[in-house]
Amino acid sequence: MRDWLAGLPPVTRRIFLAAAAVLVLLLVAAGVWTFLDQRAASARLAFAAASMTYRDALPSAEDAKLEGAARELTRYLADYPRSADAAQAWYALGNVEYQRRRYDAALTAFGEAARRSTGLIGTQSRLGAGYAWEAKGDPARALAAYQEALKGRTPKDFAYADLMLASGRAQELLKQPAAAIQTYQKLLKDVPDTPRGEEVKTRLAILGASA
């Protein structure tokens, strides 16, 4: 081959070598693409399996099932840390750990989910983190989590009412009744048809305020 190339005219030899280089690059690219495509498919299958375990465990609240779901989700995240479903898996793990009353582990999982998503999963994760801080007896950090989740949200956004209600509850726990009243009244004004309306009105009545 070397002798054959040496016998070619210089221009022809350069064209041949350039074409060979392009061919090698295309073959490498095709191999990488195939590998990534297969890995993405494997990740989707693994996430589907972990999700089934999660959906079965969460409503049951059985310790053994919750432990199994946590194990499956943790394994998935270890195997596919950069997958498209990583944020959702971290959020699911946060919910499982919260149910298991492992609040520090839940906070870690919710934090990872929120770091990976600025959308719905991120909002839900910050709400979950607030619940975990409340469960740990730290309403100040819970309120901070709720307020962070509310940034940029509008009354039409998902979880707006839940976040406002949770914020008011945290303010009550912090002995800030005036702030809680303002939050509850704003919630009723912003979302007058909220399913949590009666609960909000009850909280206002307890605080000596009207809707």
N, C-alpha and C. Protein backbone atom coordinates (compact mmCIF):
# COMPACT_ATOMS: atom_id res chain seq x y z
N MET A 1 0.83 -1.20 0.00
CA MET A 1 0.00 0.00 0.00
C MET A 1 0.87 1.26 0.00
N ARG A 2 1.94 1.21 0.80
CA ARG A 2 2.82 2.36 0.86
C ARG A 2 3.47 2.63 -0.49
N ASP A 3 3.92 1.52 -1.12
CA ASP A 3 4.55 1.68 -2.43
C ASP A 3 3.55 2.19 -3.46
N TRP A 4 2.31 1.69 -3.35
CA TRP A 4 1.27 2.13 -4.29
C TRP A 4 0.99 3.61 -4.14
N LEU A 5 0.87 4.07 -2.85
CA LEU A 5 0.65 5.49 -2.61
C LEU A 5 1.81 6.34 -3.10
N ALA A 6 3.03 5.80 -2.89
CA ALA A 6 4.21 6.57 -3.31
C ALA A 6 4.24 6.74 -4.82
N GLY A 7 3.63 5.80 -5.54
CA GLY A 7 3.63 5.87 -6.98
C GLY A 7 2.58 6.79 -7.57
N LEU A 8 1.66 7.26 -6.73
CA LEU A 8 0.60 8.16 -7.21
C LEU A 8 1.14 9.58 -7.38
N PRO A 9 0.54 10.33 -8.28
CA PRO A 9 0.90 11.75 -8.38
C PRO A 9 0.58 12.45 -7.05
N PRO A 10 1.35 13.47 -6.66
CA PRO A 10 1.15 14.14 -5.36
C PRO A 10 -0.28 14.61 -5.12
N VAL A 11 -0.91 15.19 -6.14
CA VAL A 11 -2.29 15.70 -5.95
C VAL A 11 -3.24 14.54 -5.71
N THR A 12 -3.09 13.47 -6.49
CA THR A 12 -3.96 12.30 -6.33
C THR A 12 -3.75 11.66 -4.96
N ARG A 13 -2.49 11.60 -4.52
CA ARG A 13 -2.19 11.01 -3.23
C ARG A 13 -2.86 11.81 -2.09
N ARG A 14 -2.79 13.14 -2.19
CA ARG A 14 -3.41 13.97 -1.14
C ARG A 14 -4.93 13.79 -1.13
N ILE A 15 -5.53 13.71 -2.30
CA ILE A 15 -6.98 13.51 -2.38
C ILE A 15 -7.36 12.16 -1.76
N PHE A 16 -6.57 11.14 -2.10
CA PHE A 16 -6.87 9.81 -1.56
C PHE A 16 -6.74 9.79 -0.04
N LEU A 17 -5.68 10.38 0.49
CA LEU A 17 -5.48 10.40 1.94
C LEU A 17 -6.58 11.19 2.65
N ALA A 18 -6.99 12.31 2.05
CA ALA A 18 -8.07 13.12 2.64
C ALA A 18 -9.37 12.33 2.66
N ALA A 19 -9.67 11.61 1.57
CA ALA A 19 -10.89 10.81 1.51
C ALA A 19 -10.86 9.70 2.54
N ALA A 20 -9.67 9.09 2.69
CA ALA A 20 -9.54 8.02 3.69
C ALA A 20 -9.76 8.56 5.10
N ALA A 21 -9.23 9.74 5.37
CA ALA A 21 -9.40 10.35 6.69
C ALA A 21 -10.87 10.64 6.98
N VAL A 22 -11.56 11.17 5.95
CA VAL A 22 -13.00 11.45 6.12
C VAL A 22 -13.77 10.17 6.38
N LEU A 23 -13.41 9.10 5.67
CA LEU A 23 -14.08 7.82 5.86
C LEU A 23 -13.89 7.30 7.27
N VAL A 24 -12.66 7.42 7.78
CA VAL A 24 -12.40 6.98 9.16
C VAL A 24 -13.22 7.78 10.15
N LEU A 25 -13.27 9.10 9.95
CA LEU A 25 -14.06 9.95 10.85
C LEU A 25 -15.54 9.57 10.82
N LEU A 26 -16.05 9.29 9.64
CA LEU A 26 -17.46 8.90 9.51
C LEU A 26 -17.73 7.58 10.22
N LEU A 27 -16.79 6.65 10.10
CA LEU A 27 -16.96 5.36 10.77
C LEU A 27 -16.93 5.52 12.29
N VAL A 28 -16.01 6.37 12.78
CA VAL A 28 -15.94 6.62 14.22
C VAL A 28 -17.22 7.29 14.71
N ALA A 29 -17.69 8.30 13.94
CA ALA A 29 -18.92 9.00 14.32
C ALA A 29 -20.11 8.05 14.36
N ALA A 30 -20.18 7.16 13.37
CA ALA A 30 -21.28 6.20 13.33
C ALA A 30 -21.22 5.26 14.53
N GLY A 31 -20.01 4.86 14.91
CA GLY A 31 -19.86 4.00 16.08
C GLY A 31 -20.28 4.68 17.36
N VAL A 32 -19.85 5.94 17.50
CA VAL A 32 -20.23 6.71 18.70
C VAL A 32 -21.74 6.91 18.74
N TRP A 33 -22.33 7.26 17.60
CA TRP A 33 -23.78 7.47 17.54
C TRP A 33 -24.54 6.20 17.93
N THR A 34 -24.08 5.07 17.41
CA THR A 34 -24.73 3.80 17.73
C THR A 34 -24.62 3.49 19.22
N PHE A 35 -23.44 3.74 19.78
CA PHE A 35 -23.24 3.49 21.21
C PHE A 35 -24.17 4.37 22.05
N LEU A 36 -24.22 5.67 21.71
CA LEU A 36 -25.06 6.60 22.47
C LEU A 36 -26.54 6.25 22.33
N ASP A 37 -26.93 5.86 21.12
CA ASP A 37 -28.32 5.50 20.88
C ASP A 37 -28.71 4.26 21.70
N GLN A 38 -27.81 3.28 21.72
CA GLN A 38 -28.07 2.07 22.50
C GLN A 38 -28.12 2.38 23.99
N ARG A 39 -27.24 3.26 24.44
CA ARG A 39 -27.21 3.62 25.86
C ARG A 39 -28.48 4.39 26.26
N ALA A 40 -28.93 5.28 25.36
CA ALA A 40 -30.17 6.01 25.64
C ALA A 40 -31.35 5.05 25.73
N ALA A 41 -31.38 4.05 24.84
CA ALA A 41 -32.45 3.06 24.87
C ALA A 41 -32.40 2.26 26.16
N SER A 42 -31.20 1.88 26.58
CA SER A 42 -31.04 1.14 27.84
C SER A 42 -31.50 1.98 29.02
N ALA A 43 -31.17 3.29 28.97
CA ALA A 43 -31.57 4.19 30.05
C ALA A 43 -33.09 4.30 30.14
N ARG A 44 -33.75 4.38 28.98
CA ARG A 44 -35.21 4.48 28.99
C ARG A 44 -35.84 3.22 29.59
N LEU A 45 -35.31 2.08 29.23
CA LEU A 45 -35.84 0.83 29.77
C LEU A 45 -35.61 0.75 31.28
N ALA A 46 -34.42 1.14 31.72
CA ALA A 46 -34.11 1.10 33.16
C ALA A 46 -34.99 2.06 33.93
N PHE A 47 -35.24 3.24 33.35
CA PHE A 47 -36.09 4.21 34.04
C PHE A 47 -37.53 3.73 34.11
N ALA A 48 -38.00 3.09 33.05
CA ALA A 48 -39.36 2.55 33.06
C ALA A 48 -39.52 1.52 34.17
N ALA A 49 -38.50 0.67 34.34
CA ALA A 49 -38.56 -0.35 35.39
C ALA A 49 -38.54 0.29 36.76
N ALA A 50 -37.65 1.27 36.96
CA ALA A 50 -37.58 1.95 38.25
C ALA A 50 -38.86 2.71 38.55
N SER A 51 -39.47 3.29 37.52
CA SER A 51 -40.71 4.04 37.69
C SER A 51 -41.86 3.14 38.13
N MET A 52 -41.90 1.93 37.57
CA MET A 52 -42.95 0.98 37.96
C MET A 52 -42.82 0.63 39.44
N THR A 53 -41.60 0.41 39.89
CA THR A 53 -41.37 0.12 41.31
C THR A 53 -41.79 1.30 42.17
N TYR A 54 -41.46 2.51 41.70
CA TYR A 54 -41.80 3.73 42.43
C TYR A 54 -43.32 3.93 42.53
N ARG A 55 -44.00 3.77 41.40
CA ARG A 55 -45.46 3.97 41.40
C ARG A 55 -46.18 2.93 42.26
N ASP A 56 -45.61 1.77 42.39
CA ASP A 56 -46.20 0.74 43.24
C ASP A 56 -45.92 1.00 44.72
N ALA A 57 -44.75 1.56 45.00
CA ALA A 57 -44.33 1.73 46.40
C ALA A 57 -44.94 2.95 47.06
N LEU A 58 -45.02 4.06 46.35
CA LEU A 58 -45.39 5.32 47.00
C LEU A 58 -46.78 5.29 47.63
N PRO A 59 -47.83 4.85 46.92
CA PRO A 59 -49.15 4.86 47.56
C PRO A 59 -49.29 3.83 48.67
N SER A 60 -48.49 2.77 48.60
CA SER A 60 -48.61 1.71 49.61
C SER A 60 -48.02 2.12 50.95
N ALA A 61 -46.96 2.96 50.90
CA ALA A 61 -46.24 3.40 52.10
C ALA A 61 -45.66 2.24 52.89
N GLU A 62 -45.48 1.09 52.23
CA GLU A 62 -44.89 -0.06 52.90
C GLU A 62 -43.37 0.09 52.91
N ASP A 63 -42.77 -0.15 54.08
CA ASP A 63 -41.33 0.07 54.22
C ASP A 63 -40.52 -0.74 53.21
N ALA A 64 -40.88 -2.00 53.04
CA ALA A 64 -40.11 -2.86 52.13
C ALA A 64 -40.20 -2.35 50.69
N LYS A 65 -41.39 -1.94 50.27
CA LYS A 65 -41.55 -1.45 48.90
C LYS A 65 -40.84 -0.11 48.71
N LEU A 66 -40.92 0.74 49.70
CA LEU A 66 -40.24 2.03 49.61
C LEU A 66 -38.72 1.84 49.54
N GLU A 67 -38.21 0.92 50.34
CA GLU A 67 -36.78 0.64 50.31
C GLU A 67 -36.37 0.10 48.94
N GLY A 68 -37.21 -0.76 48.38
CA GLY A 68 -36.93 -1.30 47.05
C GLY A 68 -36.93 -0.22 45.99
N ALA A 69 -37.89 0.69 46.08
CA ALA A 69 -37.97 1.78 45.11
C ALA A 69 -36.75 2.69 45.23
N ALA A 70 -36.34 2.99 46.46
CA ALA A 70 -35.15 3.81 46.67
C ALA A 70 -33.92 3.14 46.08
N ARG A 71 -33.82 1.84 46.26
CA ARG A 71 -32.68 1.09 45.74
C ARG A 71 -32.65 1.12 44.20
N GLU A 72 -33.82 0.91 43.59
CA GLU A 72 -33.90 0.89 42.13
C GLU A 72 -33.58 2.27 41.54
N LEU A 73 -34.12 3.31 42.14
CA LEU A 73 -33.88 4.66 41.64
C LEU A 73 -32.41 5.06 41.82
N THR A 74 -31.84 4.69 42.95
CA THR A 74 -30.43 5.00 43.20
C THR A 74 -29.54 4.28 42.20
N ARG A 75 -29.87 3.03 41.91
CA ARG A 75 -29.09 2.27 40.93
C ARG A 75 -29.20 2.91 39.54
N TYR A 76 -30.41 3.30 39.18
CA TYR A 76 -30.61 3.95 37.89
C TYR A 76 -29.76 5.22 37.78
N LEU A 77 -29.77 6.05 38.82
CA LEU A 77 -29.03 7.30 38.80
C LEU A 77 -27.53 7.07 38.79
N ALA A 78 -27.08 5.99 39.40
CA ALA A 78 -25.66 5.66 39.36
C ALA A 78 -25.25 5.20 37.97
N ASP A 79 -26.13 4.45 37.31
CA ASP A 79 -25.82 3.91 35.98
C ASP A 79 -25.99 4.94 34.87
N TYR A 80 -26.97 5.84 35.04
CA TYR A 80 -27.28 6.81 33.98
C TYR A 80 -27.41 8.22 34.57
N PRO A 81 -26.35 8.77 35.13
CA PRO A 81 -26.44 10.05 35.83
C PRO A 81 -26.79 11.24 34.93
N ARG A 82 -26.53 11.12 33.64
CA ARG A 82 -26.78 12.25 32.72
C ARG A 82 -27.93 11.95 31.76
N SER A 83 -28.76 11.02 32.09
CA SER A 83 -29.86 10.66 31.20
C SER A 83 -30.92 11.76 31.14
N ALA A 84 -31.75 11.70 30.14
CA ALA A 84 -32.81 12.69 29.98
C ALA A 84 -33.81 12.65 31.13
N ASP A 85 -33.92 11.50 31.79
CA ASP A 85 -34.90 11.34 32.87
C ASP A 85 -34.27 11.48 34.26
N ALA A 86 -33.04 11.96 34.33
CA ALA A 86 -32.35 12.04 35.62
C ALA A 86 -33.08 12.95 36.61
N ALA A 87 -33.54 14.11 36.15
CA ALA A 87 -34.23 15.04 37.05
C ALA A 87 -35.48 14.39 37.63
N GLN A 88 -36.24 13.72 36.77
CA GLN A 88 -37.46 13.06 37.24
C GLN A 88 -37.14 11.93 38.21
N ALA A 89 -36.05 11.22 37.96
CA ALA A 89 -35.65 10.14 38.87
C ALA A 89 -35.23 10.69 40.22
N TRP A 90 -34.50 11.80 40.23
CA TRP A 90 -34.11 12.42 41.50
C TRP A 90 -35.35 12.88 42.28
N TYR A 91 -36.32 13.46 41.55
CA TYR A 91 -37.55 13.90 42.22
C TYR A 91 -38.30 12.71 42.82
N ALA A 92 -38.39 11.63 42.08
CA ALA A 92 -39.06 10.43 42.59
C ALA A 92 -38.33 9.90 43.82
N LEU A 93 -37.00 9.90 43.77
CA LEU A 93 -36.23 9.44 44.93
C LEU A 93 -36.48 10.34 46.13
N GLY A 94 -36.60 11.65 45.90
CA GLY A 94 -36.92 12.56 46.99
C GLY A 94 -38.25 12.22 47.64
N ASN A 95 -39.25 11.92 46.82
CA ASN A 95 -40.56 11.55 47.36
C ASN A 95 -40.48 10.26 48.19
N VAL A 96 -39.72 9.30 47.69
CA VAL A 96 -39.58 8.03 48.41
C VAL A 96 -38.90 8.25 49.75
N GLU A 97 -37.80 9.01 49.73
CA GLU A 97 -37.07 9.24 50.98
C GLU A 97 -37.90 10.05 51.97
N TYR A 98 -38.70 10.96 51.46
CA TYR A 98 -39.60 11.72 52.34
C TYR A 98 -40.60 10.78 53.01
N GLN A 99 -41.16 9.86 52.23
CA GLN A 99 -42.09 8.88 52.78
C GLN A 99 -41.41 8.00 53.83
N ARG A 100 -40.13 7.75 53.64
CA ARG A 100 -39.37 6.93 54.58
C ARG A 100 -38.90 7.74 55.80
N ARG A 101 -39.24 9.02 55.82
CA ARG A 101 -38.83 9.95 56.88
C ARG A 101 -37.31 10.12 56.96
N ARG A 102 -36.67 9.91 55.84
CA ARG A 102 -35.24 10.16 55.73
C ARG A 102 -35.08 11.54 55.07
N TYR A 103 -35.32 12.57 55.88
CA TYR A 103 -35.49 13.91 55.34
C TYR A 103 -34.22 14.50 54.75
N ASP A 104 -33.07 14.19 55.32
CA ASP A 104 -31.83 14.69 54.74
C ASP A 104 -31.60 14.10 53.36
N ALA A 105 -31.87 12.80 53.23
CA ALA A 105 -31.74 12.15 51.92
C ALA A 105 -32.75 12.73 50.93
N ALA A 106 -33.94 13.03 51.42
CA ALA A 106 -34.96 13.64 50.55
C ALA A 106 -34.51 15.01 50.07
N LEU A 107 -33.94 15.79 50.97
CA LEU A 107 -33.46 17.13 50.59
C LEU A 107 -32.36 17.05 49.54
N THR A 108 -31.47 16.09 49.69
CA THR A 108 -30.41 15.91 48.69
C THR A 108 -31.02 15.58 47.33
N ALA A 109 -31.97 14.66 47.33
CA ALA A 109 -32.58 14.24 46.07
C ALA A 109 -33.38 15.39 45.44
N PHE A 110 -34.17 16.09 46.23
CA PHE A 110 -34.93 17.21 45.70
C PHE A 110 -34.00 18.30 45.15
N GLY A 111 -32.88 18.52 45.86
CA GLY A 111 -31.93 19.51 45.41
C GLY A 111 -31.31 19.16 44.07
N GLU A 112 -30.99 17.88 43.89
CA GLU A 112 -30.44 17.44 42.61
C GLU A 112 -31.46 17.59 41.49
N ALA A 113 -32.71 17.27 41.79
CA ALA A 113 -33.77 17.41 40.78
C ALA A 113 -33.96 18.87 40.39
N ALA A 114 -33.99 19.75 41.39
CA ALA A 114 -34.19 21.17 41.13
C ALA A 114 -33.02 21.76 40.35
N ARG A 115 -31.81 21.25 40.61
CA ARG A 115 -30.63 21.74 39.90
C ARG A 115 -30.68 21.38 38.42
N ARG A 116 -31.35 20.29 38.10
CA ARG A 116 -31.41 19.81 36.73
C ARG A 116 -32.62 20.31 35.95
N SER A 117 -33.58 20.91 36.63
CA SER A 117 -34.81 21.31 35.95
C SER A 117 -35.28 22.68 36.42
N THR A 118 -35.60 23.53 35.46
CA THR A 118 -36.17 24.84 35.78
C THR A 118 -37.68 24.84 35.52
N GLY A 119 -38.20 23.70 35.11
CA GLY A 119 -39.62 23.60 34.78
C GLY A 119 -40.43 22.97 35.89
N LEU A 120 -41.37 22.13 35.47
CA LEU A 120 -42.31 21.51 36.40
C LEU A 120 -41.61 20.69 37.47
N ILE A 121 -40.64 19.87 37.08
CA ILE A 121 -39.94 19.04 38.05
C ILE A 121 -39.20 19.90 39.06
N GLY A 122 -38.60 20.99 38.59
CA GLY A 122 -37.90 21.88 39.50
C GLY A 122 -38.84 22.50 40.52
N THR A 123 -40.01 22.93 40.07
CA THR A 123 -41.00 23.52 40.99
C THR A 123 -41.47 22.50 42.02
N GLN A 124 -41.80 21.30 41.55
CA GLN A 124 -42.25 20.25 42.46
C GLN A 124 -41.15 19.89 43.46
N SER A 125 -39.93 19.91 43.00
CA SER A 125 -38.81 19.53 43.88
C SER A 125 -38.59 20.57 44.98
N ARG A 126 -38.73 21.82 44.63
CA ARG A 126 -38.58 22.87 45.66
C ARG A 126 -39.73 22.80 46.65
N LEU A 127 -40.92 22.48 46.17
CA LEU A 127 -42.06 22.29 47.08
C LEU A 127 -41.78 21.11 48.00
N GLY A 128 -41.27 20.01 47.44
CA GLY A 128 -40.93 18.85 48.25
C GLY A 128 -39.86 19.16 49.27
N ALA A 129 -38.86 19.96 48.86
CA ALA A 129 -37.80 20.35 49.80
C ALA A 129 -38.37 21.15 50.96
N GLY A 130 -39.33 22.02 50.66
CA GLY A 130 -39.97 22.79 51.73
C GLY A 130 -40.68 21.89 52.73
N TYR A 131 -41.39 20.90 52.21
CA TYR A 131 -42.06 19.94 53.10
C TYR A 131 -41.04 19.22 53.98
N ALA A 132 -39.90 18.87 53.38
CA ALA A 132 -38.87 18.16 54.15
C ALA A 132 -38.29 19.06 55.24
N TRP A 133 -38.06 20.33 54.93
CA TRP A 133 -37.57 21.25 55.96
C TRP A 133 -38.60 21.43 57.07
N GLU A 134 -39.87 21.49 56.71
CA GLU A 134 -40.90 21.56 57.74
C GLU A 134 -40.87 20.33 58.63
N ALA A 135 -40.74 19.16 58.01
CA ALA A 135 -40.70 17.91 58.77
C ALA A 135 -39.49 17.87 59.70
N LYS A 136 -38.41 18.54 59.31
CA LYS A 136 -37.22 18.61 60.15
C LYS A 136 -37.32 19.69 61.22
N GLY A 137 -38.45 20.43 61.21
CA GLY A 137 -38.65 21.46 62.22
C GLY A 137 -37.93 22.76 61.92
N ASP A 138 -37.73 23.05 60.63
CA ASP A 138 -37.03 24.28 60.23
C ASP A 138 -37.91 25.07 59.27
N PRO A 139 -38.93 25.77 59.80
CA PRO A 139 -39.85 26.50 58.92
C PRO A 139 -39.20 27.64 58.16
N ALA A 140 -38.10 28.19 58.68
CA ALA A 140 -37.43 29.29 57.98
C ALA A 140 -36.87 28.80 56.64
N ARG A 141 -36.22 27.65 56.65
CA ARG A 141 -35.70 27.10 55.41
C ARG A 141 -36.82 26.60 54.51
N ALA A 142 -37.89 26.12 55.13
CA ALA A 142 -39.05 25.70 54.34
C ALA A 142 -39.61 26.89 53.58
N LEU A 143 -39.78 28.01 54.28
CA LEU A 143 -40.31 29.21 53.64
C LEU A 143 -39.39 29.68 52.51
N ALA A 144 -38.08 29.60 52.74
CA ALA A 144 -37.13 29.99 51.69
C ALA A 144 -37.28 29.11 50.46
N ALA A 145 -37.51 27.82 50.66
CA ALA A 145 -37.70 26.90 49.53
C ALA A 145 -38.98 27.24 48.77
N TYR A 146 -40.05 27.53 49.49
CA TYR A 146 -41.31 27.86 48.84
C TYR A 146 -41.19 29.17 48.05
N GLN A 147 -40.54 30.16 48.66
CA GLN A 147 -40.40 31.45 47.98
C GLN A 147 -39.50 31.35 46.76
N GLU A 148 -38.48 30.51 46.85
CA GLU A 148 -37.62 30.29 45.69
C GLU A 148 -38.43 29.66 44.55
N ALA A 149 -39.29 28.72 44.89
CA ALA A 149 -40.12 28.06 43.87
C ALA A 149 -41.14 29.03 43.27
N LEU A 150 -41.55 30.03 44.03
CA LEU A 150 -42.55 30.98 43.55
C LEU A 150 -41.98 32.04 42.62
N LYS A 151 -40.65 32.17 42.59
CA LYS A 151 -40.04 33.20 41.75
C LYS A 151 -40.39 32.96 40.28
N GLY A 152 -40.96 33.97 39.68
CA GLY A 152 -41.32 33.86 38.27
C GLY A 152 -42.60 33.11 38.00
N ARG A 153 -43.23 32.57 39.04
CA ARG A 153 -44.48 31.83 38.86
C ARG A 153 -45.65 32.81 38.81
N THR A 154 -46.70 32.43 38.11
CA THR A 154 -47.93 33.21 38.06
C THR A 154 -49.06 32.37 38.64
N PRO A 155 -50.18 33.00 38.97
CA PRO A 155 -51.31 32.24 39.53
C PRO A 155 -51.79 31.09 38.65
N LYS A 156 -51.50 31.15 37.37
CA LYS A 156 -51.94 30.09 36.46
C LYS A 156 -50.96 28.92 36.42
N ASP A 157 -49.81 29.10 37.01
CA ASP A 157 -48.79 28.05 36.96
C ASP A 157 -49.11 26.91 37.91
N PHE A 158 -48.61 25.73 37.55
CA PHE A 158 -48.80 24.55 38.37
C PHE A 158 -48.19 24.77 39.74
N ALA A 159 -48.89 24.32 40.76
CA ALA A 159 -48.43 24.32 42.15
C ALA A 159 -48.40 25.71 42.78
N TYR A 160 -48.86 26.74 42.06
CA TYR A 160 -48.85 28.09 42.65
C TYR A 160 -49.63 28.12 43.96
N ALA A 161 -50.86 27.57 43.93
CA ALA A 161 -51.71 27.58 45.13
C ALA A 161 -51.07 26.77 46.26
N ASP A 162 -50.51 25.62 45.93
CA ASP A 162 -49.86 24.80 46.97
C ASP A 162 -48.68 25.53 47.58
N LEU A 163 -47.91 26.22 46.75
CA LEU A 163 -46.75 26.96 47.25
C LEU A 163 -47.17 28.13 48.13
N MET A 164 -48.22 28.83 47.73
CA MET A 164 -48.70 29.95 48.54
C MET A 164 -49.25 29.46 49.87
N LEU A 165 -50.02 28.39 49.84
CA LEU A 165 -50.57 27.83 51.07
C LEU A 165 -49.43 27.37 52.00
N ALA A 166 -48.44 26.71 51.42
CA ALA A 166 -47.30 26.25 52.22
C ALA A 166 -46.53 27.42 52.79
N SER A 167 -46.41 28.49 52.01
CA SER A 167 -45.72 29.68 52.50
C SER A 167 -46.44 30.28 53.71
N GLY A 168 -47.76 30.38 53.60
CA GLY A 168 -48.54 30.89 54.73
C GLY A 168 -48.39 30.02 55.96
N ARG A 169 -48.41 28.72 55.76
CA ARG A 169 -48.23 27.79 56.89
C ARG A 169 -46.87 27.99 57.56
N ALA A 170 -45.83 28.14 56.74
CA ALA A 170 -44.49 28.36 57.29
C ALA A 170 -44.43 29.68 58.04
N GLN A 171 -45.08 30.70 57.51
CA GLN A 171 -45.11 31.99 58.20
C GLN A 171 -45.83 31.89 59.54
N GLU A 172 -46.89 31.10 59.60
CA GLU A 172 -47.55 30.87 60.89
C GLU A 172 -46.59 30.21 61.88
N LEU A 173 -45.87 29.21 61.41
CA LEU A 173 -44.93 28.50 62.27
C LEU A 173 -43.82 29.43 62.76
N LEU A 174 -43.50 30.43 61.95
CA LEU A 174 -42.47 31.40 62.32
C LEU A 174 -43.02 32.55 63.15
N LYS A 175 -44.28 32.42 63.56
CA LYS A 175 -44.94 33.47 64.36
C LYS A 175 -44.99 34.80 63.59
N GLN A 176 -45.39 34.70 62.33
CA GLN A 176 -45.55 35.88 61.48
C GLN A 176 -47.00 35.93 60.99
N PRO A 177 -47.95 36.15 61.90
CA PRO A 177 -49.36 36.08 61.51
C PRO A 177 -49.76 37.11 60.45
N ALA A 178 -49.21 38.32 60.53
CA ALA A 178 -49.58 39.35 59.56
C ALA A 178 -49.14 38.93 58.15
N ALA A 179 -47.94 38.38 58.05
CA ALA A 179 -47.44 37.92 56.75
C ALA A 179 -48.27 36.74 56.24
N ALA A 180 -48.65 35.84 57.16
CA ALA A 180 -49.45 34.69 56.77
C ALA A 180 -50.82 35.13 56.25
N ILE A 181 -51.43 36.08 56.93
CA ILE A 181 -52.74 36.59 56.50
C ILE A 181 -52.62 37.19 55.10
N GLN A 182 -51.59 37.98 54.88
CA GLN A 182 -51.38 38.60 53.57
C GLN A 182 -51.21 37.54 52.49
N THR A 183 -50.47 36.48 52.80
CA THR A 183 -50.23 35.40 51.83
C THR A 183 -51.54 34.68 51.51
N TYR A 184 -52.31 34.35 52.55
CA TYR A 184 -53.57 33.64 52.33
C TYR A 184 -54.56 34.49 51.53
N GLN A 185 -54.65 35.77 51.87
CA GLN A 185 -55.58 36.64 51.16
C GLN A 185 -55.16 36.81 49.70
N LYS A 186 -53.87 36.91 49.47
CA LYS A 186 -53.38 37.01 48.10
C LYS A 186 -53.69 35.74 47.31
N LEU A 187 -53.55 34.60 47.97
CA LEU A 187 -53.86 33.33 47.32
C LEU A 187 -55.32 33.30 46.87
N LEU A 188 -56.24 33.69 47.75
CA LEU A 188 -57.66 33.68 47.39
C LEU A 188 -57.97 34.69 46.29
N LYS A 189 -57.25 35.80 46.29
CA LYS A 189 -57.46 36.80 45.26
C LYS A 189 -56.92 36.31 43.91
N ASP A 190 -55.74 35.70 43.95
CA ASP A 190 -55.10 35.24 42.71
C ASP A 190 -55.77 34.00 42.11
N VAL A 191 -56.20 33.11 43.01
CA VAL A 191 -56.80 31.85 42.55
C VAL A 191 -58.12 31.64 43.30
N PRO A 192 -59.16 32.40 42.96
CA PRO A 192 -60.42 32.34 43.71
C PRO A 192 -61.10 30.97 43.67
N ASP A 193 -60.80 30.19 42.64
CA ASP A 193 -61.45 28.88 42.52
C ASP A 193 -60.54 27.74 42.97
N THR A 194 -59.52 28.05 43.75
CA THR A 194 -58.61 27.00 44.18
C THR A 194 -59.32 25.93 45.00
N PRO A 195 -59.04 24.66 44.78
CA PRO A 195 -59.63 23.58 45.58
C PRO A 195 -59.25 23.68 47.06
N ARG A 196 -58.19 24.45 47.36
CA ARG A 196 -57.75 24.60 48.74
C ARG A 196 -58.43 25.80 49.41
N GLY A 197 -59.45 26.35 48.76
CA GLY A 197 -60.09 27.57 49.26
C GLY A 197 -60.62 27.46 50.68
N GLU A 198 -61.33 26.39 50.97
CA GLU A 198 -61.90 26.24 52.31
C GLU A 198 -60.81 26.13 53.37
N GLU A 199 -59.75 25.45 53.02
CA GLU A 199 -58.63 25.32 53.94
C GLU A 199 -58.01 26.69 54.22
N VAL A 200 -57.86 27.48 53.17
CA VAL A 200 -57.28 28.82 53.32
C VAL A 200 -58.19 29.69 54.19
N LYS A 201 -59.49 29.63 53.95
CA LYS A 201 -60.43 30.43 54.74
C LYS A 201 -60.42 30.02 56.20
N THR A 202 -60.26 28.73 56.46
CA THR A 202 -60.16 28.24 57.82
C THR A 202 -58.92 28.82 58.50
N ARG A 203 -57.78 28.83 57.77
CA ARG A 203 -56.56 29.38 58.35
C ARG A 203 -56.74 30.87 58.66
N LEU A 204 -57.41 31.57 57.76
CA LEU A 204 -57.64 33.00 57.99
C LEU A 204 -58.54 33.22 59.21
N ALA A 205 -59.55 32.40 59.35
CA ALA A 205 -60.44 32.53 60.50
C ALA A 205 -59.70 32.30 61.80
N ILE A 206 -58.84 31.30 61.82
CA ILE A 206 -58.04 31.02 63.02
C ILE A 206 -57.14 32.20 63.37
N LEU A 207 -56.66 32.89 62.33
CA LEU A 207 -55.81 34.05 62.55
C LEU A 207 -56.59 35.33 62.82
N GLY A 208 -57.91 35.22 62.82
CA GLY A 208 -58.75 36.38 63.11
C GLY A 208 -58.92 37.33 61.97
N ALA A 209 -58.79 36.80 60.74
CA ALA A 209 -58.92 37.66 59.56
C ALA A 209 -60.01 37.08 58.66
N SER A 210 -60.45 37.89 57.72
CA SER A 210 -61.47 37.46 56.77
C SER A 210 -60.85 37.24 55.41
N ALA A 211 -61.59 36.56 54.57
CA ALA A 211 -61.11 36.31 53.22
C ALA A 211 -61.25 37.57 52.37
